[in-house]
C-alpha atoms as a PDB file:
ATOM      1  CA  MET A   1     -22.378  -7.616 -67.747  1.00  0.00           C
ATOM      2  CA  ILE A   2     -19.853  -5.012 -66.672  1.00  0.00           C
ATOM      3  CA  ARG A   3     -20.674  -1.406 -67.398  1.00  0.00           C
ATOM      4  CA  ALA A   4     -18.415   1.595 -67.119  1.00  0.00           C
ATOM      5  CA  LEU A   5     -19.570   3.896 -64.369  1.00  0.00           C
ATOM      6  CA  THR A   6     -17.892   7.157 -63.585  1.00  0.00           C
ATOM      7  CA  VAL A   7     -18.222   9.358 -60.559  1.00  0.00           C
ATOM      8  CA  LEU A   8     -19.140  12.778 -61.907  1.00  0.00           C
ATOM      9  CA  SER A   9     -19.480  14.655 -58.636  1.00  0.00           C
ATOM     10  CA  ALA A  10     -18.598  14.017 -55.041  1.00  0.00           C
ATOM     11  CA  ALA A  11     -18.574  16.206 -51.961  1.00  0.00           C
ATOM     12  CA  LEU A  12     -15.210  14.936 -50.686  1.00  0.00           C
ATOM     13  CA  SER A  13     -14.592  17.702 -48.160  1.00  0.00           C
ATOM     14  CA  LEU A  14     -17.347  16.442 -45.867  1.00  0.00           C
ATOM     15  CA  PRO A  15     -16.208  14.975 -42.550  1.00  0.00           C
ATOM     16  CA  THR A  16     -17.892  11.561 -42.784  1.00  0.00           C
ATOM     17  CA  TRP A  17     -18.676   9.011 -45.513  1.00  0.00           C
ATOM     18  CA  ALA A  18     -22.314   9.075 -44.388  1.00  0.00           C
ATOM     19  CA  GLN A  19     -22.597  12.564 -45.865  1.00  0.00           C
ATOM     20  CA  LEU A  20     -20.852  11.726 -49.157  1.00  0.00           C
ATOM     21  CA  GLN A  21     -22.931  12.448 -52.267  1.00  0.00           C
ATOM     22  CA  ILE A  22     -21.944  10.590 -55.444  1.00  0.00           C
ATOM     23  CA  THR A  23     -23.515  10.551 -58.892  1.00  0.00           C
ATOM     24  CA  PHE A  24     -23.007   7.498 -61.110  1.00  0.00           C
ATOM     25  CA  VAL A  25     -23.482   7.518 -64.878  1.00  0.00           C
ATOM     26  CA  ASP A  26     -23.821   4.386 -67.026  1.00  0.00           C
ATOM     27  CA  LEU A  27     -21.356   4.910 -69.900  1.00  0.00           C
ATOM     28  CA  ASN A  28     -22.012   1.602 -71.662  1.00  0.00           C
ATOM     29  CA  PRO A  29     -22.574   2.521 -75.340  1.00  0.00           C
ATOM     30  CA  ALA A  30     -25.446   1.096 -77.376  1.00  0.00           C
ATOM     31  CA  GLY A  31     -24.551  -2.324 -78.775  1.00  0.00           C
ATOM     32  CA  SER A  32     -21.664  -2.883 -76.355  1.00  0.00           C
ATOM     33  CA  THR A  33     -21.807  -5.872 -74.023  1.00  0.00           C
ATOM     34  CA  GLU A  34     -19.165  -4.550 -71.624  1.00  0.00           C
ATOM     35  CA  SER A  35     -17.347  -1.315 -70.902  1.00  0.00           C
ATOM     36  CA  ARG A  36     -14.854  -0.066 -68.336  1.00  0.00           C
ATOM     37  CA  ALA A  37     -13.788   3.451 -67.464  1.00  0.00           C
ATOM     38  CA  ARG A  38     -10.078   3.567 -66.580  1.00  0.00           C
ATOM     39  CA  ALA A  39      -9.410   7.291 -66.124  1.00  0.00           C
ATOM     40  CA  VAL A  40     -11.306  10.547 -65.596  1.00  0.00           C
ATOM     41  CA  ASP A  41     -10.052  14.048 -66.409  1.00  0.00           C
ATOM     42  CA  GLY A  42     -12.620  16.775 -65.864  1.00  0.00           C
ATOM     43  CA  ALA A  43     -15.584  15.969 -68.113  1.00  0.00           C
ATOM     44  CA  ARG A  44     -13.851  13.211 -70.122  1.00  0.00           C
ATOM     45  CA  GLN A  45     -13.471   9.511 -69.400  1.00  0.00           C
ATOM     46  CA  VAL A  46     -11.422   6.826 -71.180  1.00  0.00           C
ATOM     47  CA  GLY A  47     -11.342   3.055 -71.017  1.00  0.00           C
ATOM     48  CA  THR A  48     -12.600   0.142 -73.077  1.00  0.00           C
ATOM     49  CA  ALA A  49     -15.821  -1.063 -74.664  1.00  0.00           C
ATOM     50  CA  SER A  50     -16.639  -4.415 -76.251  1.00  0.00           C
ATOM     51  CA  VAL A  51     -17.581  -3.629 -79.834  1.00  0.00           C
ATOM     52  CA  GLY A  52     -18.333  -6.349 -82.374  1.00  0.00           C
ATOM     53  CA  GLY A  53     -16.763  -8.984 -80.126  1.00  0.00           C
ATOM     54  CA  GLY A  54     -13.484  -7.069 -79.681  1.00  0.00           C
ATOM     55  CA  THR A  55     -12.029  -4.752 -77.063  1.00  0.00           C
ATOM     56  CA  HIS A  56     -11.829  -1.155 -78.285  1.00  0.00           C
ATOM     57  CA  ALA A  57     -10.294   1.931 -76.673  1.00  0.00           C
ATOM     58  CA  ALA A  58     -13.085   4.318 -75.737  1.00  0.00           C
ATOM     59  CA  LEU A  59     -13.583   7.985 -74.955  1.00  0.00           C
ATOM     60  CA  TRP A  60     -16.683   9.458 -73.299  1.00  0.00           C
ATOM     61  CA  SER A  61     -17.768  12.948 -72.287  1.00  0.00           C
ATOM     62  CA  GLY A  62     -20.129  12.097 -69.449  1.00  0.00           C
ATOM     63  CA  SER A  63     -22.755   9.956 -71.194  1.00  0.00           C
ATOM     64  CA  ALA A  64     -23.122   6.692 -73.101  1.00  0.00           C
ATOM     65  CA  GLY A  65     -24.263   8.694 -76.141  1.00  0.00           C
ATOM     66  CA  SER A  66     -20.958  10.583 -76.249  1.00  0.00           C
ATOM     67  CA  PHE A  67     -18.954   7.358 -76.864  1.00  0.00           C
ATOM     68  CA  VAL A  68     -16.084   7.709 -79.341  1.00  0.00           C
ATOM     69  CA  ASP A  69     -14.426   4.521 -80.618  1.00  0.00           C
ATOM     70  CA  LEU A  70     -10.644   5.167 -80.562  1.00  0.00           C
ATOM     71  CA  HIS A  71      -9.742   1.743 -81.977  1.00  0.00           C
ATOM     72  CA  PRO A  72      -7.068   1.998 -84.698  1.00  0.00           C
ATOM     73  CA  ALA A  73      -7.849   0.330 -88.035  1.00  0.00           C
ATOM     74  CA  GLY A  74      -6.242  -3.092 -88.284  1.00  0.00           C
ATOM     75  CA  ALA A  75      -5.578  -3.499 -84.546  1.00  0.00           C
ATOM     76  CA  SER A  76      -6.756  -6.689 -82.826  1.00  0.00           C
ATOM     77  CA  SER A  77      -7.592  -4.843 -79.583  1.00  0.00           C
ATOM     78  CA  SER A  78      -6.993  -1.471 -77.985  1.00  0.00           C
ATOM     79  CA  GLU A  79      -7.352   0.140 -74.555  1.00  0.00           C
ATOM     80  CA  ALA A  80      -7.100   3.663 -73.127  1.00  0.00           C
ATOM     81  CA  PHE A  81      -5.685   4.080 -69.624  1.00  0.00           C
ATOM     82  CA  GLY A  82      -5.241   7.808 -69.168  1.00  0.00           C
ATOM     83  CA  LEU A  83      -5.963  11.350 -70.283  1.00  0.00           C
ATOM     84  CA  GLY A  84      -3.557  14.227 -70.547  1.00  0.00           C
ATOM     85  CA  ASP A  85      -3.639  17.960 -70.925  1.00  0.00           C
ATOM     86  CA  ALA A  86      -3.987  18.746 -74.637  1.00  0.00           C
ATOM     87  CA  ARG A  87      -2.476  22.224 -74.390  1.00  0.00           C
END
């Protein structure tokens, strides 16, 4: 089973990888057998989730419970690969 994990915080300015602190969050929504995060923009993540046997575009806001199914009605499959500034 593949689960979408996103890095929510990392101390990247540290001089060595031994001091790197990373937090992982399991974004796999309830009922999904597989999910993948493809892009992160601040507190939002997008990618795909297997829903009802199909691949659906997905949006998260930092937790599995925040999952939003972006799949258009009538589409056979959908994926999200990026996030943009909504201003």
